[in-house]
Amino acid sequence: MALYSYKALNEEGKVVKGKISARNEQELEAKLKQSSLDLITAEELKSSGVNFFNKASLQDLILICVHLHQLEKAGVPILDSIGDLKEDSDSQTIKNVMMDVHDSLKSGKLLSVAMAEHSKIFDNVFISLVAAGEKTGSFAEIFGHLEHHLKWILDIKTKIKKATMYPLFLFFLLMGVIMIMMVYVIPKLTVFLLAQNIPLPFYTKALIATSDFVVNYWYVVFCGPVIFFGLIRLLCWASLAVAYQVDAIILKLPYVGLVVRKLEISRFCHFFALTYKSGMGILECLTIAGSVVQNQVLKESIEAAKTGVSEGQKITNALKATGQFPSLVVRMFKVGENSGNLDGSLQNVNHFYDQEVNEAVNGIVSFLQPALTLVMGAILGWITISVFGPVYASFGGIK
């Protein structure tokens, strides 16, 4: 299918513009007719499958779930609910997607299949839960779960963004001050010091050498870290073995590794509880929850646990055998298995680790702010001693 940009007349005779996917202009015109629009002009933008180059925001997806949840509770057919969304959404991307989904539903496709054609908008978890709702007939409950799930993700991202914003500002401010000092201030002071014809201590020579390097090889200073981390990222993308080793190192880093582990475990428990509560089997829950875990060490541990469960082990024993999950998580899985309330137990674990992640991130931020201030003070102190130390020493020699 191709993506078309179109101009059309609505029922009021006004010109409206938009984008929509269609196999050809005839299909495009037919789709617009179904929305009471008369095609004026159309232009093919690019061949794209049914995915759109614009991604929906989390807020857009939350509004979709709220809308469908409430209408399903009210007994409105899913086709009419999707039709309302394509008319009422403020997002052009969502309008286009819902128009396509609406057409797919009218042609007899399942909602999960129609949404799967827009994988840039709806991820694997979203589509899997919708498919579960189709099996159980509980769309209202499923969209309620998805609404809660997306709000949880948005909350986590917002908290981390707020917590790291000020330290990042301080870091870039520090780097800016250092670059200005090294490129503009130190060279002028160097000329002054050399003109005095006085012996320079090692720390002053080190400062001058550092300034010369930054002035002459500034592109290495700026591009070196970007190329280094970009290369690591590329190697991780190309090789799972490299990604595994890098993620193993990250988990061993002081404090940072602990935060990453807690965040991943929180994410795993949240998604497992979400899918289990939606009526999926243990293996399917492990598959979906494992797919959202980003650390390769933990991801492979979940795969190993999945293999153990498929061979007849209890999930508690399978997770414990990996050695990667804290005793609290294993214990709560066991309590949930024994009580028949596995999703409730995991929601408690998820809540606990959410709090742990918040406290850990706040702890890192509380450490970084004074640490960056100390680094800035140390650099300014180094510059001050390196410049004025030799001058004062020469004055002492004159006496």
Foldseek 3Di string as FASTA:
>chain_A
DFKKWFWWQAPVRDIDIAIADDPDVVRVQVLVVVVRIHTDDMDTDGRDQREDPDEDDLVQLLVLLVQQLVCVVVVHDPLVSLVVQLVPDPDRNSVRLSSQLSVCVVVPDQSLVSVVSHCSHAPPLRSLLSVLCVVVVCSNVSSVLVSVVSVVVVVLVVLLCVLCVVLVVLVVVLVVVVLCCLAPPLVVLVVVVVVVVFDADPLLVVSVVVSVCCNVPVVCVVCVVVVVVVVLVVVVVVDVVSLQVVLVVQLPDPLSNVLLLLVLLLQLLSQLLSVVVSPDDNLVSLVVSLVPRDRSLVSVLSVQLSVVVVVPDQSLVSNVVSVSDDPQVSVLCVVCVVVVNNSVSSVVSSVVSVVVSSVSSNVVSVVSVVVSVVVSVVVVVSVVCSSVVRVVVVVVVVD
